[in-house]
Amino acid sequence: MKPSFKEQMEEKKVEIQMMSPIQIKRLTKYKITFEDEGQDFLEWFIDKDGFVLDSKPFQRSVWAGKHTVPDFVQVGDLLPIFMEERKGKDCFSTVNYPIKKIEIIGNKK
């Protein structure tokens, strides 16, 4: 039986938490910089599949493994994220800080 999306996300989160900085750098496709409003993170590093690999300067343990759609946002937008399944329904939210900059790192497909 195929694992649920929630189970797949949990597996991905564990996998990401075990990654070295070199692995994260190699897998990063997007670097998203958020407007600084005093929050604990300013940058997210996201892979080609939309999974957050790292959060700088803090909160990697909070955000790594979350899923987003960086292909469909632009500067000034709030980044949508898939939080987790609740009561059998998918739960989406947005990061509360506008995107300041989007960088595409290399040509990872």
C-alpha atoms as a PDB file:
ATOM      1  CA  MET A   1       0.000   0.000   0.000  1.00  0.00           C
ATOM      2  CA  LYS A   2       1.279   3.445  -0.932  1.00  0.00           C
ATOM      3  CA  PRO A   3       1.980   5.698   2.086  1.00  0.00           C
ATOM      4  CA  SER A   4      -0.268   8.729   2.567  1.00  0.00           C
ATOM      5  CA  PHE A   5       1.030  12.189   1.703  1.00  0.00           C
ATOM      6  CA  LYS A   6       1.335  12.895   5.433  1.00  0.00           C
ATOM      7  CA  GLU A   7       3.453   9.751   5.899  1.00  0.00           C
ATOM      8  CA  GLN A   8       5.591  10.719   2.909  1.00  0.00           C
ATOM      9  CA  MET A   9       6.116  14.183   4.409  1.00  0.00           C
ATOM     10  CA  GLU A  10       7.169  12.694   7.741  1.00  0.00           C
ATOM     11  CA  GLU A  11       9.671  10.411   5.990  1.00  0.00           C
ATOM     12  CA  LYS A  12      11.006  13.375   3.992  1.00  0.00           C
ATOM     13  CA  LYS A  13      11.346  15.476   7.156  1.00  0.00           C
ATOM     14  CA  VAL A  14      13.432  12.770   8.841  1.00  0.00           C
ATOM     15  CA  GLU A  15      15.561  12.408   5.703  1.00  0.00           C
ATOM     16  CA  ILE A  16      16.133  16.186   5.522  1.00  0.00           C
ATOM     17  CA  GLN A  17      16.986  16.462   9.230  1.00  0.00           C
ATOM     18  CA  MET A  18      19.794  13.938   8.650  1.00  0.00           C
ATOM     19  CA  MET A  19      21.319  15.859   5.716  1.00  0.00           C
ATOM     20  CA  SER A  20      24.699  17.512   5.935  1.00  0.00           C
ATOM     21  CA  PRO A  21      25.156  21.160   4.880  1.00  0.00           C
ATOM     22  CA  ILE A  22      26.902  19.928   1.728  1.00  0.00           C
ATOM     23  CA  GLN A  23      23.920  17.731   0.796  1.00  0.00           C
ATOM     24  CA  ILE A  24      21.537  20.624   1.413  1.00  0.00           C
ATOM     25  CA  LYS A  25      23.606  22.936  -0.760  1.00  0.00           C
ATOM     26  CA  ARG A  26      23.737  20.360  -3.558  1.00  0.00           C
ATOM     27  CA  LEU A  27      19.947  19.784  -3.507  1.00  0.00           C
ATOM     28  CA  THR A  28      18.845  23.418  -3.181  1.00  0.00           C
ATOM     29  CA  LYS A  29      17.015  24.798  -6.200  1.00  0.00           C
ATOM     30  CA  TYR A  30      15.417  27.872  -4.647  1.00  0.00           C
ATOM     31  CA  LYS A  31      16.591  30.348  -2.044  1.00  0.00           C
ATOM     32  CA  ILE A  32      13.686  32.431  -0.773  1.00  0.00           C
ATOM     33  CA  THR A  33      14.448  35.522   1.272  1.00  0.00           C
ATOM     34  CA  PHE A  34      11.647  36.973   3.409  1.00  0.00           C
ATOM     35  CA  GLU A  35      11.127  40.559   4.513  1.00  0.00           C
ATOM     36  CA  ASP A  36      12.690  41.066   7.953  1.00  0.00           C
ATOM     37  CA  GLU A  37       9.923  41.718  10.450  1.00  0.00           C
ATOM     38  CA  GLY A  38      11.854  40.431  13.454  1.00  0.00           C
ATOM     39  CA  GLN A  39      11.095  36.734  12.883  1.00  0.00           C
ATOM     40  CA  ASP A  40      13.611  33.968  13.631  1.00  0.00           C
ATOM     41  CA  PHE A  41      14.150  33.061   9.957  1.00  0.00           C
ATOM     42  CA  LEU A  42      14.962  35.152   6.905  1.00  0.00           C
ATOM     43  CA  GLU A  43      15.863  32.566   4.268  1.00  0.00           C
ATOM     44  CA  TRP A  44      14.545  29.196   3.169  1.00  0.00           C
ATOM     45  CA  PHE A  45      16.391  26.766   0.947  1.00  0.00           C
ATOM     46  CA  ILE A  46      13.985  24.615  -1.072  1.00  0.00           C
ATOM     47  CA  ASP A  47      14.551  21.571  -3.301  1.00  0.00           C
ATOM     48  CA  LYS A  48      13.162  20.941  -6.803  1.00  0.00           C
ATOM     49  CA  ASP A  49      10.108  19.163  -5.344  1.00  0.00           C
ATOM     50  CA  GLY A  50       9.161  22.087  -3.084  1.00  0.00           C
ATOM     51  CA  PHE A  51      10.444  20.693   0.219  1.00  0.00           C
ATOM     52  CA  VAL A  52      12.108  23.109   2.634  1.00  0.00           C
ATOM     53  CA  LEU A  53      15.649  21.842   3.271  1.00  0.00           C
ATOM     54  CA  ASP A  54      16.912  24.568   5.588  1.00  0.00           C
ATOM     55  CA  SER A  55      15.897  27.779   7.319  1.00  0.00           C
ATOM     56  CA  LYS A  56      18.373  30.507   8.235  1.00  0.00           C
ATOM     57  CA  PRO A  57      19.419  31.805  10.630  1.00  0.00           C
ATOM     58  CA  PHE A  58      17.130  29.735  12.892  1.00  0.00           C
ATOM     59  CA  GLN A  59      14.173  27.311  12.979  1.00  0.00           C
ATOM     60  CA  ARG A  60      15.476  24.576  10.681  1.00  0.00           C
ATOM     61  CA  SER A  61      13.855  21.999  12.954  1.00  0.00           C
ATOM     62  CA  VAL A  62      10.496  23.764  12.574  1.00  0.00           C
ATOM     63  CA  TRP A  63      10.437  24.265   8.796  1.00  0.00           C
ATOM     64  CA  ALA A  64      12.626  21.517   7.261  1.00  0.00           C
ATOM     65  CA  GLY A  65      10.409  18.996   5.532  1.00  0.00           C
ATOM     66  CA  LYS A  66       7.461  21.334   4.998  1.00  0.00           C
ATOM     67  CA  HIS A  67       6.164  21.443   1.435  1.00  0.00           C
ATOM     68  CA  THR A  68       5.555  24.557  -0.660  1.00  0.00           C
ATOM     69  CA  VAL A  69       5.153  25.698  -4.277  1.00  0.00           C
ATOM     70  CA  PRO A  70       7.958  28.153  -5.083  1.00  0.00           C
ATOM     71  CA  ASP A  71       7.237  27.973  -8.843  1.00  0.00           C
ATOM     72  CA  PHE A  72       4.007  29.912  -8.407  1.00  0.00           C
ATOM     73  CA  VAL A  73       5.031  32.868  -6.242  1.00  0.00           C
ATOM     74  CA  GLN A  74       6.704  36.182  -6.822  1.00  0.00           C
ATOM     75  CA  VAL A  75       8.332  38.918  -4.775  1.00  0.00           C
ATOM     76  CA  GLY A  76       5.792  40.459  -2.383  1.00  0.00           C
ATOM     77  CA  ASP A  77       3.662  37.295  -2.119  1.00  0.00           C
ATOM     78  CA  LEU A  78       3.128  35.251   1.020  1.00  0.00           C
ATOM     79  CA  LEU A  79       4.564  31.768   0.461  1.00  0.00           C
ATOM     80  CA  PRO A  80       1.930  28.988   0.721  1.00  0.00           C
ATOM     81  CA  ILE A  81       2.910  25.915   2.729  1.00  0.00           C
ATOM     82  CA  PHE A  82       1.355  22.525   3.354  1.00  0.00           C
ATOM     83  CA  MET A  83       1.259  22.160   7.109  1.00  0.00           C
ATOM     84  CA  GLU A  84      -0.160  18.731   7.852  1.00  0.00           C
ATOM     85  CA  GLU A  85      -3.317  16.738   7.584  1.00  0.00           C
ATOM     86  CA  ARG A  86      -5.953  17.615  10.155  1.00  0.00           C
ATOM     87  CA  LYS A  87      -9.182  15.716  10.653  1.00  0.00           C
ATOM     88  CA  GLY A  88      -8.612  13.931   7.357  1.00  0.00           C
ATOM     89  CA  LYS A  89      -8.204  17.151   5.357  1.00  0.00           C
ATOM     90  CA  ASP A  90      -5.126  18.782   3.899  1.00  0.00           C
ATOM     91  CA  CYS A  91      -4.170  21.983   5.700  1.00  0.00           C
ATOM     92  CA  PHE A  92      -2.528  24.814   3.827  1.00  0.00           C
ATOM     93  CA  SER A  93      -1.336  28.099   5.242  1.00  0.00           C
ATOM     94  CA  THR A  94       1.058  30.873   4.290  1.00  0.00           C
ATOM     95  CA  VAL A  95       4.250  32.190   5.799  1.00  0.00           C
ATOM     96  CA  ASN A  96       3.278  35.493   7.429  1.00  0.00           C
ATOM     97  CA  TYR A  97       6.186  37.435   5.934  1.00  0.00           C
ATOM     98  CA  PRO A  98       6.288  38.702   2.336  1.00  0.00           C
ATOM     99  CA  ILE A  99       8.877  37.327  -0.042  1.00  0.00           C
ATOM    100  CA  LYS A 100      11.709  39.804  -0.544  1.00  0.00           C
ATOM    101  CA  LYS A 101      13.776  37.823  -3.073  1.00  0.00           C
ATOM    102  CA  ILE A 102      13.609  34.543  -4.992  1.00  0.00           C
ATOM    103  CA  GLU A 103      16.802  33.004  -6.340  1.00  0.00           C
ATOM    104  CA  ILE A 104      17.012  29.955  -8.546  1.00  0.00           C
ATOM    105  CA  ILE A 105      20.194  28.095  -7.678  1.00  0.00           C
ATOM    106  CA  GLY A 106      21.731  26.266 -10.629  1.00  0.00           C
ATOM    107  CA  ASN A 107      19.515  24.357 -13.031  1.00  0.00           C
ATOM    108  CA  LYS A 108      18.356  21.441 -10.883  1.00  0.00           C
ATOM    109  CA  LYS A 109      15.399  19.716 -12.505  1.00  0.00           C
END
